[in-house]
Structures are given as structure tokens and as C-alpha cells.
Amino acid sequence: MRLKSAIWVSAYLRRCQTEGVFGAVSRRGAEEAGAVFVKVVTLDRQAMLYVPAPQTAYDDERPFERVFVPASPTPQPEADVDARLAKEIRFDPDAWIVETEDRAGRHFLDLAK
């Protein structure tokens, strides 16, 4: 059983804070099981978007973990990432959006291999 989205987001923001990275919820989704999207912005206003990995990327022995994949292989202009997030919200109004700002673009997420 996976953690509720609200609890996972709270823990993720705490992790960012302990690393000295600013993070905030820019859109609150469904408390129990809303999908979580993480936008990481660098100082040059480029951004990386991390989206939930497909179910096939999950380890059968650890199905409760949240795994992410980058939406693109390289950073994009922040406006492009925001446009993608707007489409995601239209598709899934229960989604969460978490934004962080880090000069080095660190994300602290478990990524699919």
C-alpha cells in the first residue's frame, strides 16, 4: 500500500528543506491518491519536470514506493513546463504539483531505471 499523496508530498518537501532547497506545493491534489508532478527550476529559469513512472517501472517487491521519470531528457524553458502541467491538470484534476528551486537542479526523487 502506497503512502497517501499528502503525506508523501509533505515528506518530500521536508527532504528538500533539509538539503537547503526551497520547495512548495503550487497545486494541491487529491489527498489520498493524486498523481504527483515535480517541477525543478534552476536559476536560469530552465526547468525539469518529473512525472510518475509507468506501472511497469515499479519493483514488484516494493510497489508502495513512488518512482518518477523525467518528462524530457534535457531542461526546458519554464513556460514550456508550465504548459505541460496545464495539460496534465486538464487530464487529471486530482494531480499535485510540487515546485522546487535549486541552482544545481537536484530533485531527490527515486527515478525509474
PDB file of N, CA and C in Angstrom:
ATOM      1  N   MET A   1       0.846  -1.179   0.000  1.00  0.00           N
ATOM      2  CA  MET A   1       0.000   0.000   0.000  1.00  0.00           C
ATOM      3  C   MET A   1       0.892   1.243   0.000  1.00  0.00           C
ATOM      4  N   ARG A   2       0.575   2.170  -0.851  1.00  0.00           N
ATOM      5  CA  ARG A   2       1.368   3.378  -1.004  1.00  0.00           C
ATOM      6  C   ARG A   2       0.944   4.452  -0.002  1.00  0.00           C
ATOM      7  N   LEU A   3       1.882   5.309   0.385  1.00  0.00           N
ATOM      8  CA  LEU A   3       1.547   6.441   1.251  1.00  0.00           C
ATOM      9  C   LEU A   3       0.543   7.350   0.559  1.00  0.00           C
ATOM     10  N   LYS A   4      -0.300   7.988   1.346  1.00  0.00           N
ATOM     11  CA  LYS A   4      -1.200   8.993   0.780  1.00  0.00           C
ATOM     12  C   LYS A   4      -0.366  10.088   0.143  1.00  0.00           C
ATOM     13  N   SER A   5      -0.892  10.669  -0.918  1.00  0.00           N
ATOM     14  CA  SER A   5      -0.153  11.714  -1.639  1.00  0.00           C
ATOM     15  C   SER A   5       0.216  12.873  -0.729  1.00  0.00           C
ATOM     16  N   ALA A   6      -0.710  13.290   0.118  1.00  0.00           N
ATOM     17  CA  ALA A   6      -0.443  14.425   1.003  1.00  0.00           C
ATOM     18  C   ALA A   6       0.735  14.148   1.930  1.00  0.00           C
ATOM     19  N   ILE A   7       0.827  12.932   2.441  1.00  0.00           N
ATOM     20  CA  ILE A   7       1.928  12.578   3.340  1.00  0.00           C
ATOM     21  C   ILE A   7       3.237  12.513   2.558  1.00  0.00           C
ATOM     22  N   TRP A   8       3.204  11.912   1.351  1.00  0.00           N
ATOM     23  CA  TRP A   8       4.412  11.813   0.539  1.00  0.00           C
ATOM     24  C   TRP A   8       4.936  13.207   0.191  1.00  0.00           C
ATOM     25  N   VAL A   9       4.050  14.111  -0.213  1.00  0.00           N
ATOM     26  CA  VAL A   9       4.461  15.469  -0.577  1.00  0.00           C
ATOM     27  C   VAL A   9       5.074  16.177   0.621  1.00  0.00           C
ATOM     28  N   SER A  10       4.462  16.036   1.776  1.00  0.00           N
ATOM     29  CA  SER A  10       4.995  16.663   2.986  1.00  0.00           C
ATOM     30  C   SER A  10       6.401  16.145   3.291  1.00  0.00           C
ATOM     31  N   ALA A  11       6.596  14.840   3.196  1.00  0.00           N
ATOM     32  CA  ALA A  11       7.916  14.256   3.448  1.00  0.00           C
ATOM     33  C   ALA A  11       8.928  14.708   2.403  1.00  0.00           C
ATOM     34  N   TYR A  12       8.502  14.782   1.153  1.00  0.00           N
ATOM     35  CA  TYR A  12       9.401  15.222   0.077  1.00  0.00           C
ATOM     36  C   TYR A  12       9.848  16.671   0.308  1.00  0.00           C
ATOM     37  N   LEU A  13       8.925  17.536   0.671  1.00  0.00           N
ATOM     38  CA  LEU A  13       9.287  18.932   0.922  1.00  0.00           C
ATOM     39  C   LEU A  13      10.219  19.049   2.125  1.00  0.00           C
ATOM     40  N   ARG A  14      10.021  18.221   3.120  1.00  0.00           N
ATOM     41  CA  ARG A  14      10.914  18.207   4.282  1.00  0.00           C
ATOM     42  C   ARG A  14      12.309  17.788   3.849  1.00  0.00           C
ATOM     43  N   ARG A  15      12.396  16.786   2.973  1.00  0.00           N
ATOM     44  CA  ARG A  15      13.699  16.333   2.464  1.00  0.00           C
ATOM     45  C   ARG A  15      14.406  17.463   1.726  1.00  0.00           C
ATOM     46  N   CYS A  16      13.664  18.168   0.866  1.00  0.00           N
ATOM     47  CA  CYS A  16      14.245  19.295   0.138  1.00  0.00           C
ATOM     48  C   CYS A  16      14.756  20.353   1.113  1.00  0.00           C
ATOM     49  N   GLN A  17      13.958  20.646   2.117  1.00  0.00           N
ATOM     50  CA  GLN A  17      14.329  21.663   3.102  1.00  0.00           C
ATOM     51  C   GLN A  17      15.619  21.284   3.828  1.00  0.00           C
ATOM     52  N   THR A  18      15.768  20.009   4.177  1.00  0.00           N
ATOM     53  CA  THR A  18      16.982  19.604   4.890  1.00  0.00           C
ATOM     54  C   THR A  18      18.222  19.726   4.008  1.00  0.00           C
ATOM     55  N   GLU A  19      18.034  19.720   2.689  1.00  0.00           N
ATOM     56  CA  GLU A  19      19.146  19.878   1.747  1.00  0.00           C
ATOM     57  C   GLU A  19      19.349  21.340   1.343  1.00  0.00           C
ATOM     58  N   GLY A  20      18.564  22.262   1.932  1.00  0.00           N
ATOM     59  CA  GLY A  20      18.698  23.674   1.622  1.00  0.00           C
ATOM     60  C   GLY A  20      18.027  24.096   0.330  1.00  0.00           C
ATOM     61  N   VAL A  21      17.071  23.299  -0.134  1.00  0.00           N
ATOM     62  CA  VAL A  21      16.370  23.586  -1.383  1.00  0.00           C
ATOM     63  C   VAL A  21      14.966  24.081  -1.057  1.00  0.00           C
ATOM     64  N   PHE A  22      14.580  25.221  -1.680  1.00  0.00           N
ATOM     65  CA  PHE A  22      13.231  25.746  -1.483  1.00  0.00           C
ATOM     66  C   PHE A  22      12.244  24.887  -2.264  1.00  0.00           C
ATOM     67  N   GLY A  23      11.140  24.548  -1.647  1.00  0.00           N
ATOM     68  CA  GLY A  23      10.092  23.788  -2.318  1.00  0.00           C
ATOM     69  C   GLY A  23       8.737  24.180  -1.773  1.00  0.00           C
ATOM     70  N   ALA A  24       7.722  24.075  -2.627  1.00  0.00           N
ATOM     71  CA  ALA A  24       6.362  24.418  -2.213  1.00  0.00           C
ATOM     72  C   ALA A  24       5.353  23.671  -3.080  1.00  0.00           C
ATOM     73  N   VAL A  25       4.165  23.512  -2.542  1.00  0.00           N
ATOM     74  CA  VAL A  25       3.062  22.928  -3.307  1.00  0.00           C
ATOM     75  C   VAL A  25       2.422  24.063  -4.088  1.00  0.00           C
ATOM     76  N   SER A  26       2.422  23.960  -5.410  1.00  0.00           N
ATOM     77  CA  SER A  26       1.767  25.003  -6.202  1.00  0.00           C
ATOM     78  C   SER A  26       0.348  24.598  -6.577  1.00  0.00           C
ATOM     79  N   ARG A  27       0.040  23.314  -6.460  1.00  0.00           N
ATOM     80  CA  ARG A  27      -1.329  22.843  -6.672  1.00  0.00           C
ATOM     81  C   ARG A  27      -1.554  21.616  -5.809  1.00  0.00           C
ATOM     82  N   ARG A  28      -2.561  21.718  -4.992  1.00  0.00           N
ATOM     83  CA  ARG A  28      -2.897  20.615  -4.094  1.00  0.00           C
ATOM     84  C   ARG A  28      -3.891  19.713  -4.801  1.00  0.00           C
ATOM     85  N   GLY A  29      -3.603  18.424  -4.827  1.00  0.00           N
ATOM     86  CA  GLY A  29      -4.475  17.462  -5.495  1.00  0.00           C
ATOM     87  C   GLY A  29      -5.256  16.630  -4.493  1.00  0.00           C
ATOM     88  N   ALA A  30      -5.692  15.471  -4.947  1.00  0.00           N
ATOM     89  CA  ALA A  30      -6.453  14.560  -4.094  1.00  0.00           C
ATOM     90  C   ALA A  30      -5.575  14.085  -2.937  1.00  0.00           C
ATOM     91  N   GLU A  31      -6.105  14.196  -1.750  1.00  0.00           N
ATOM     92  CA  GLU A  31      -5.382  13.876  -0.516  1.00  0.00           C
ATOM     93  C   GLU A  31      -4.859  12.432  -0.492  1.00  0.00           C
ATOM     94  N   GLU A  32      -5.670  11.509  -0.946  1.00  0.00           N
ATOM     95  CA  GLU A  32      -5.348  10.089  -0.826  1.00  0.00           C
ATOM     96  C   GLU A  32      -4.418   9.573  -1.917  1.00  0.00           C
ATOM     97  N   ALA A  33      -4.769   9.821  -3.180  1.00  0.00           N
ATOM     98  CA  ALA A  33      -4.035   9.137  -4.252  1.00  0.00           C
ATOM     99  C   ALA A  33      -3.827   9.981  -5.508  1.00  0.00           C
ATOM    100  N   GLY A  34      -3.753  11.284  -5.369  1.00  0.00           N
ATOM    101  CA  GLY A  34      -3.498  12.117  -6.545  1.00  0.00           C
ATOM    102  C   GLY A  34      -2.089  11.903  -7.075  1.00  0.00           C
ATOM    103  N   ALA A  35      -1.944  11.925  -8.397  1.00  0.00           N
ATOM    104  CA  ALA A  35      -0.614  11.819  -9.010  1.00  0.00           C
ATOM    105  C   ALA A  35       0.207  13.046  -8.613  1.00  0.00           C
ATOM    106  N   VAL A  36       1.514  12.861  -8.455  1.00  0.00           N
ATOM    107  CA  VAL A  36       2.398  13.947  -8.049  1.00  0.00           C
ATOM    108  C   VAL A  36       3.361  14.256  -9.199  1.00  0.00           C
ATOM    109  N   PHE A  37       3.429  15.538  -9.572  1.00  0.00           N
ATOM    110  CA  PHE A  37       4.360  16.025 -10.580  1.00  0.00           C
ATOM    111  C   PHE A  37       5.332  16.968  -9.879  1.00  0.00           C
ATOM    112  N   VAL A  38       6.617  16.823 -10.163  1.00  0.00           N
ATOM    113  CA  VAL A  38       7.633  17.643  -9.510  1.00  0.00           C
ATOM    114  C   VAL A  38       8.358  18.467 -10.563  1.00  0.00           C
ATOM    115  N   LYS A  39       8.315  19.787 -10.383  1.00  0.00           N
ATOM    116  CA  LYS A  39       8.989  20.731 -11.284  1.00  0.00           C
ATOM    117  C   LYS A  39      10.198  21.288 -10.547  1.00  0.00           C
ATOM    118  N   VAL A  40      11.379  21.148 -11.158  1.00  0.00           N
ATOM    119  CA  VAL A  40      12.614  21.648 -10.568  1.00  0.00           C
ATOM    120  C   VAL A  40      13.121  22.791 -11.442  1.00  0.00           C
ATOM    121  N   VAL A  41      13.183  23.982 -10.851  1.00  0.00           N
ATOM    122  CA  VAL A  41      13.583  25.188 -11.586  1.00  0.00           C
ATOM    123  C   VAL A  41      15.002  25.577 -11.190  1.00  0.00           C
ATOM    124  N   THR A  42      15.813  25.923 -12.182  1.00  0.00           N
ATOM    125  CA  THR A  42      17.167  26.402 -11.917  1.00  0.00           C
ATOM    126  C   THR A  42      17.176  27.928 -12.021  1.00  0.00           C
ATOM    127  N   LEU A  43      18.301  28.524 -11.671  1.00  0.00           N
ATOM    128  CA  LEU A  43      18.368  29.987 -11.649  1.00  0.00           C
ATOM    129  C   LEU A  43      18.202  30.632 -13.025  1.00  0.00           C
ATOM    130  N   ASP A  44      18.496  29.893 -14.090  1.00  0.00           N
ATOM    131  CA  ASP A  44      18.366  30.456 -15.441  1.00  0.00           C
ATOM    132  C   ASP A  44      16.956  30.295 -16.007  1.00  0.00           C
ATOM    133  N   ARG A  45      15.985  29.962 -15.144  1.00  0.00           N
ATOM    134  CA  ARG A  45      14.566  29.806 -15.478  1.00  0.00           C
ATOM    135  C   ARG A  45      14.322  28.643 -16.426  1.00  0.00           C
ATOM    136  N   GLN A  46      15.238  27.683 -16.423  1.00  0.00           N
ATOM    137  CA  GLN A  46      15.010  26.414 -17.092  1.00  0.00           C
ATOM    138  C   GLN A  46      14.400  25.480 -16.054  1.00  0.00           C
ATOM    139  N   ALA A  47      13.704  24.460 -16.523  1.00  0.00           N
ATOM    140  CA  ALA A  47      13.054  23.565 -15.571  1.00  0.00           C
ATOM    141  C   ALA A  47      13.046  22.131 -16.099  1.00  0.00           C
ATOM    142  N   MET A  48      13.061  21.225 -15.160  1.00  0.00           N
ATOM    143  CA  MET A  48      12.871  19.802 -15.451  1.00  0.00           C
ATOM    144  C   MET A  48      11.567  19.392 -14.787  1.00  0.00           C
ATOM    145  N   LEU A  49      10.804  18.593 -15.493  1.00  0.00           N
ATOM    146  CA  LEU A  49       9.564  18.075 -14.950  1.00  0.00           C
ATOM    147  C   LEU A  49       9.724  16.575 -14.757  1.00  0.00           C
ATOM    148  N   TYR A  50       9.379  16.125 -13.569  1.00  0.00           N
ATOM    149  CA  TYR A  50       9.417  14.702 -13.254  1.00  0.00           C
ATOM    150  C   TYR A  50       7.987  14.230 -13.054  1.00  0.00           C
ATOM    151  N   VAL A  51       7.628  13.184 -13.776  1.00  0.00           N
ATOM    152  CA  VAL A  51       6.261  12.666 -13.790  1.00  0.00           C
ATOM    153  C   VAL A  51       6.243  11.251 -13.227  1.00  0.00           C
ATOM    154  N   PRO A  52       5.075  10.789 -12.780  1.00  0.00           N
ATOM    155  CA  PRO A  52       5.014   9.414 -12.275  1.00  0.00           C
ATOM    156  C   PRO A  52       5.434   8.419 -13.358  1.00  0.00           C
ATOM    157  N   ALA A  53       6.246   7.452 -12.967  1.00  0.00           N
ATOM    158  CA  ALA A  53       6.693   6.415 -13.900  1.00  0.00           C
ATOM    159  C   ALA A  53       5.536   5.478 -14.223  1.00  0.00           C
ATOM    160  N   PRO A  54       5.585   4.861 -15.397  1.00  0.00           N
ATOM    161  CA  PRO A  54       4.555   3.863 -15.718  1.00  0.00           C
ATOM    162  C   PRO A  54       4.623   2.692 -14.731  1.00  0.00           C
ATOM    163  N   GLN A  55       3.524   2.026 -14.552  1.00  0.00           N
ATOM    164  CA  GLN A  55       3.459   0.902 -13.601  1.00  0.00           C
ATOM    165  C   GLN A  55       4.522  -0.151 -13.884  1.00  0.00           C
ATOM    166  N   THR A  56       4.910  -0.314 -15.128  1.00  0.00           N
ATOM    167  CA  THR A  56       5.909  -1.331 -15.474  1.00  0.00           C
ATOM    168  C   THR A  56       7.283  -1.016 -14.893  1.00  0.00           C
ATOM    169  N   ALA A  57       7.512   0.221 -14.462  1.00  0.00           N
ATOM    170  CA  ALA A  57       8.810   0.609 -13.907  1.00  0.00           C
ATOM    171  C   ALA A  57       8.937   0.279 -12.421  1.00  0.00           C
ATOM    172  N   TYR A  58       7.851  -0.143 -11.805  1.00  0.00           N
ATOM    173  CA  TYR A  58       7.874  -0.411 -10.368  1.00  0.00           C
ATOM    174  C   TYR A  58       8.434  -1.794 -10.068  1.00  0.00           C
ATOM    175  N   ASP A  59       9.123  -1.887  -8.949  1.00  0.00           N
ATOM    176  CA  ASP A  59       9.664  -3.151  -8.463  1.00  0.00           C
ATOM    177  C   ASP A  59       8.531  -3.906  -7.768  1.00  0.00           C
ATOM    178  N   ASP A  60       8.291  -5.137  -8.184  1.00  0.00           N
ATOM    179  CA  ASP A  60       7.196  -5.929  -7.605  1.00  0.00           C
ATOM    180  C   ASP A  60       7.337  -6.118  -6.101  1.00  0.00           C
ATOM    181  N   GLU A  61       8.559  -6.082  -5.611  1.00  0.00           N
ATOM    182  CA  GLU A  61       8.777  -6.271  -4.178  1.00  0.00           C
ATOM    183  C   GLU A  61       8.616  -4.977  -3.389  1.00  0.00           C
ATOM    184  N   ARG A  62       8.533  -3.854  -4.088  1.00  0.00           N
ATOM    185  CA  ARG A  62       8.380  -2.558  -3.408  1.00  0.00           C
ATOM    186  C   ARG A  62       7.335  -1.707  -4.133  1.00  0.00           C
ATOM    187  N   PRO A  63       6.110  -2.196  -4.261  1.00  0.00           N
ATOM    188  CA  PRO A  63       5.089  -1.472  -5.038  1.00  0.00           C
ATOM    189  C   PRO A  63       4.583  -0.197  -4.363  1.00  0.00           C
ATOM    190  N   PHE A  64       4.943  -0.004  -3.101  1.00  0.00           N
ATOM    191  CA  PHE A  64       4.464   1.146  -2.348  1.00  0.00           C
ATOM    192  C   PHE A  64       5.273   2.410  -2.634  1.00  0.00           C
ATOM    193  N   GLU A  65       6.451   2.280  -3.229  1.00  0.00           N
ATOM    194  CA  GLU A  65       7.292   3.441  -3.499  1.00  0.00           C
ATOM    195  C   GLU A  65       6.766   4.235  -4.686  1.00  0.00           C
ATOM    196  N   ARG A  66       7.060   5.517  -4.690  1.00  0.00           N
ATOM    197  CA  ARG A  66       6.740   6.355  -5.847  1.00  0.00           C
ATOM    198  C   ARG A  66       8.003   6.487  -6.681  1.00  0.00           C
ATOM    199  N   VAL A  67       7.882   6.229  -7.959  1.00  0.00           N
ATOM    200  CA  VAL A  67       9.010   6.282  -8.877  1.00  0.00           C
ATOM    201  C   VAL A  67       8.676   7.296  -9.963  1.00  0.00           C
ATOM    202  N   PHE A  68       9.681   8.061 -10.364  1.00  0.00           N
ATOM    203  CA  PHE A  68       9.470   9.128 -11.336  1.00  0.00           C
ATOM    204  C   PHE A  68      10.360   8.949 -12.556  1.00  0.00           C
ATOM    205  N   VAL A  69       9.959   9.593 -13.647  1.00  0.00           N
ATOM    206  CA  VAL A  69      10.776   9.666 -14.856  1.00  0.00           C
ATOM    207  C   VAL A  69      10.781  11.125 -15.304  1.00  0.00           C
ATOM    208  N   PRO A  70      11.874  11.572 -15.924  1.00  0.00           N
ATOM    209  CA  PRO A  70      11.877  12.935 -16.454  1.00  0.00           C
ATOM    210  C   PRO A  70      10.956  13.011 -17.676  1.00  0.00           C
ATOM    211  N   ALA A  71      10.223  14.109 -17.791  1.00  0.00           N
ATOM    212  CA  ALA A  71       9.319  14.292 -18.927  1.00  0.00           C
ATOM    213  C   ALA A  71      10.086  14.577 -20.208  1.00  0.00           C
ATOM    214  N   SER A  72      11.315  15.076 -20.085  1.00  0.00           N
ATOM    215  CA  SER A  72      12.172  15.326 -21.243  1.00  0.00           C
ATOM    216  C   SER A  72      13.610  15.029 -20.841  1.00  0.00           C
ATOM    217  N   PRO A  73      14.477  14.743 -21.810  1.00  0.00           N
ATOM    218  CA  PRO A  73      15.854  14.397 -21.459  1.00  0.00           C
ATOM    219  C   PRO A  73      16.703  15.585 -21.012  1.00  0.00           C
ATOM    220  N   THR A  74      16.287  16.781 -21.353  1.00  0.00           N
ATOM    221  CA  THR A  74      17.062  17.980 -21.008  1.00  0.00           C
ATOM    222  C   THR A  74      16.130  19.036 -20.414  1.00  0.00           C
ATOM    223  N   PRO A  75      16.690  20.002 -19.683  1.00  0.00           N
ATOM    224  CA  PRO A  75      15.859  21.093 -19.156  1.00  0.00           C
ATOM    225  C   PRO A  75      15.161  21.857 -20.285  1.00  0.00           C
ATOM    226  N   GLN A  76      13.973  22.348 -19.960  1.00  0.00           N
ATOM    227  CA  GLN A  76      13.152  23.095 -20.907  1.00  0.00           C
ATOM    228  C   GLN A  76      12.905  24.494 -20.345  1.00  0.00           C
ATOM    229  N   PRO A  77      12.499  25.454 -21.199  1.00  0.00           N
ATOM    230  CA  PRO A  77      12.079  26.742 -20.653  1.00  0.00           C
ATOM    231  C   PRO A  77      10.923  26.529 -19.666  1.00  0.00           C
ATOM    232  N   GLU A  78      10.937  27.284 -18.597  1.00  0.00           N
ATOM    233  CA  GLU A  78       9.918  27.098 -17.562  1.00  0.00           C
ATOM    234  C   GLU A  78       8.506  27.232 -18.123  1.00  0.00           C
ATOM    235  N   ALA A  79       8.304  28.131 -19.075  1.00  0.00           N
ATOM    236  CA  ALA A  79       6.974  28.321 -19.672  1.00  0.00           C
ATOM    237  C   ALA A  79       6.489  27.047 -20.365  1.00  0.00           C
ATOM    238  N   ASP A  80       7.392  26.309 -21.000  1.00  0.00           N
ATOM    239  CA  ASP A  80       7.017  25.053 -21.654  1.00  0.00           C
ATOM    240  C   ASP A  80       6.597  24.001 -20.627  1.00  0.00           C
ATOM    241  N   VAL A  81       7.307  23.952 -19.527  1.00  0.00           N
ATOM    242  CA  VAL A  81       6.954  23.011 -18.463  1.00  0.00           C
ATOM    243  C   VAL A  81       5.592  23.382 -17.876  1.00  0.00           C
ATOM    244  N   ASP A  82       5.347  24.673 -17.685  1.00  0.00           N
ATOM    245  CA  ASP A  82       4.054  25.112 -17.162  1.00  0.00           C
ATOM    246  C   ASP A  82       2.914  24.749 -18.115  1.00  0.00           C
ATOM    247  N   ALA A  83       3.158  24.855 -19.422  1.00  0.00           N
ATOM    248  CA  ALA A  83       2.136  24.479 -20.411  1.00  0.00           C
ATOM    249  C   ALA A  83       1.844  22.978 -20.319  1.00  0.00           C
ATOM    250  N   ARG A  84       2.878  22.180 -20.149  1.00  0.00           N
ATOM    251  CA  ARG A  84       2.683  20.723 -19.998  1.00  0.00           C
ATOM    252  C   ARG A  84       1.881  20.417 -18.740  1.00  0.00           C
ATOM    253  N   LEU A  85       2.185  21.129 -17.653  1.00  0.00           N
ATOM    254  CA  LEU A  85       1.449  20.905 -16.406  1.00  0.00           C
ATOM    255  C   LEU A  85      -0.019  21.298 -16.547  1.00  0.00           C
ATOM    256  N   ALA A  86      -0.299  22.353 -17.292  1.00  0.00           N
ATOM    257  CA  ALA A  86      -1.691  22.757 -17.518  1.00  0.00           C
ATOM    258  C   ALA A  86      -2.462  21.640 -18.233  1.00  0.00           C
ATOM    259  N   LYS A  87      -1.813  20.986 -19.190  1.00  0.00           N
ATOM    260  CA  LYS A  87      -2.449  19.857 -19.884  1.00  0.00           C
ATOM    261  C   LYS A  87      -2.685  18.700 -18.923  1.00  0.00           C
ATOM    262  N   GLU A  88      -1.714  18.427 -18.061  1.00  0.00           N
ATOM    263  CA  GLU A  88      -1.862  17.340 -17.095  1.00  0.00           C
ATOM    264  C   GLU A  88      -3.042  17.595 -16.159  1.00  0.00           C
ATOM    265  N   ILE A  89      -3.213  18.842 -15.741  1.00  0.00           N
ATOM    266  CA  ILE A  89      -4.316  19.195 -14.838  1.00  0.00           C
ATOM    267  C   ILE A  89      -5.662  19.025 -15.532  1.00  0.00           C
ATOM    268  N   ARG A  90      -5.728  19.392 -16.807  1.00  0.00           N
ATOM    269  CA  ARG A  90      -6.987  19.188 -17.546  1.00  0.00           C
ATOM    270  C   ARG A  90      -7.314  17.697 -17.642  1.00  0.00           C
ATOM    271  N   PHE A  91      -6.290  16.871 -17.786  1.00  0.00           N
ATOM    272  CA  PHE A  91      -6.480  15.429 -17.880  1.00  0.00           C
ATOM    273  C   PHE A  91      -6.798  14.809 -16.522  1.00  0.00           C
ATOM    274  N   ASP A  92      -6.114  15.277 -15.483  1.00  0.00           N
ATOM    275  CA  ASP A  92      -6.264  14.711 -14.132  1.00  0.00           C
ATOM    276  C   ASP A  92      -6.377  15.836 -13.111  1.00  0.00           C
ATOM    277  N   PRO A  93      -7.593  16.287 -12.813  1.00  0.00           N
ATOM    278  CA  PRO A  93      -7.765  17.397 -11.858  1.00  0.00           C
ATOM    279  C   PRO A  93      -7.383  17.058 -10.415  1.00  0.00           C
ATOM    280  N   ASP A  94      -7.078  15.790 -10.128  1.00  0.00           N
ATOM    281  CA  ASP A  94      -6.676  15.384  -8.782  1.00  0.00           C
ATOM    282  C   ASP A  94      -5.167  15.444  -8.575  1.00  0.00           C
ATOM    283  N   ALA A  95      -4.415  15.870  -9.585  1.00  0.00           N
ATOM    284  CA  ALA A  95      -2.953  15.853  -9.533  1.00  0.00           C
ATOM    285  C   ALA A  95      -2.399  16.941  -8.621  1.00  0.00           C
ATOM    286  N   TRP A  96      -1.239  16.627  -8.056  1.00  0.00           N
ATOM    287  CA  TRP A  96      -0.469  17.562  -7.247  1.00  0.00           C
ATOM    288  C   TRP A  96       0.654  18.124  -8.104  1.00  0.00           C
ATOM    289  N   ILE A  97       1.036  19.382  -7.850  1.00  0.00           N
ATOM    290  CA  ILE A  97       2.230  19.959  -8.469  1.00  0.00           C
ATOM    291  C   ILE A  97       3.105  20.510  -7.350  1.00  0.00           C
ATOM    292  N   VAL A  98       4.323  19.988  -7.300  1.00  0.00           N
ATOM    293  CA  VAL A  98       5.303  20.440  -6.315  1.00  0.00           C
ATOM    294  C   VAL A  98       6.418  21.125  -7.093  1.00  0.00           C
ATOM    295  N   GLU A  99       6.795  22.320  -6.660  1.00  0.00           N
ATOM    296  CA  GLU A  99       7.862  23.061  -7.329  1.00  0.00           C
ATOM    297  C   GLU A  99       9.028  23.263  -6.380  1.00  0.00           C
ATOM    298  N   THR A 100      10.229  23.060  -6.909  1.00  0.00           N
ATOM    299  CA  THR A 100      11.435  23.341  -6.138  1.00  0.00           C
ATOM    300  C   THR A 100      12.345  24.238  -6.967  1.00  0.00           C
ATOM    301  N   GLU A 101      13.219  24.948  -6.283  1.00  0.00           N
ATOM    302  CA  GLU A 101      14.219  25.781  -6.944  1.00  0.00           C
ATOM    303  C   GLU A 101      15.581  25.382  -6.413  1.00  0.00           C
ATOM    304  N   ASP A 102      16.461  24.994  -7.332  1.00  0.00           N
ATOM    305  CA  ASP A 102      17.800  24.596  -6.932  1.00  0.00           C
ATOM    306  C   ASP A 102      18.770  24.930  -8.050  1.00  0.00           C
ATOM    307  N   ARG A 103      19.810  25.639  -7.704  1.00  0.00           N
ATOM    308  CA  ARG A 103      20.829  26.060  -8.676  1.00  0.00           C
ATOM    309  C   ARG A 103      21.372  24.866  -9.466  1.00  0.00           C
ATOM    310  N   ALA A 104      21.583  23.735  -8.785  1.00  0.00           N
ATOM    311  CA  ALA A 104      22.164  22.550  -9.424  1.00  0.00           C
ATOM    312  C   ALA A 104      21.112  21.627 -10.039  1.00  0.00           C
ATOM    313  N   GLY A 105      19.837  21.933  -9.851  1.00  0.00           N
ATOM    314  CA  GLY A 105      18.783  21.098 -10.421  1.00  0.00           C
ATOM    315  C   GLY A 105      18.571  19.768  -9.707  1.00  0.00           C
ATOM    316  N   ARG A 106      18.970  19.701  -8.429  1.00  0.00           N
ATOM    317  CA  ARG A 106      18.788  18.459  -7.667  1.00  0.00           C
ATOM    318  C   ARG A 106      17.301  18.207  -7.446  1.00  0.00           C
ATOM    319  N   HIS A 107      16.903  16.932  -7.446  1.00  0.00           N
ATOM    320  CA  HIS A 107      15.490  16.619  -7.313  1.00  0.00           C
ATOM    321  C   HIS A 107      15.158  15.683  -6.151  1.00  0.00           C
ATOM    322  N   PHE A 108      16.087  14.852  -5.684  1.00  0.00           N
ATOM    323  CA  PHE A 108      15.904  13.955  -4.549  1.00  0.00           C
ATOM    324  C   PHE A 108      14.769  12.930  -4.750  1.00  0.00           C
ATOM    325  N   LEU A 109      14.541  12.525  -5.984  1.00  0.00           N
ATOM    326  CA  LEU A 109      13.484  11.570  -6.307  1.00  0.00           C
ATOM    327  C   LEU A 109      14.087  10.215  -6.663  1.00  0.00           C
ATOM    328  N   ASP A 110      13.280   9.174  -6.473  1.00  0.00           N
ATOM    329  CA  ASP A 110      13.660   7.852  -6.972  1.00  0.00           C
ATOM    330  C   ASP A 110      13.250   7.813  -8.431  1.00  0.00           C
ATOM    331  N   LEU A 111      14.229   7.639  -9.323  1.00  0.00           N
ATOM    332  CA  LEU A 111      13.952   7.605 -10.754  1.00  0.00           C
ATOM    333  C   LEU A 111      13.921   6.175 -11.262  1.00  0.00           C
ATOM    334  N   ALA A 112      13.047   5.933 -12.231  1.00  0.00           N
ATOM    335  CA  ALA A 112      12.987   4.613 -12.863  1.00  0.00           C
ATOM    336  C   ALA A 112      14.289   4.374 -13.615  1.00  0.00           C
ATOM    337  N   LYS A 113      14.737   3.157 -13.644  1.00  0.00           N
ATOM    338  CA  LYS A 113      15.995   2.830 -14.322  1.00  0.00           C
ATOM    339  C   LYS A 113      15.757   2.416 -15.745  1.00  0.00           C
TER     340      LYS A 113
END
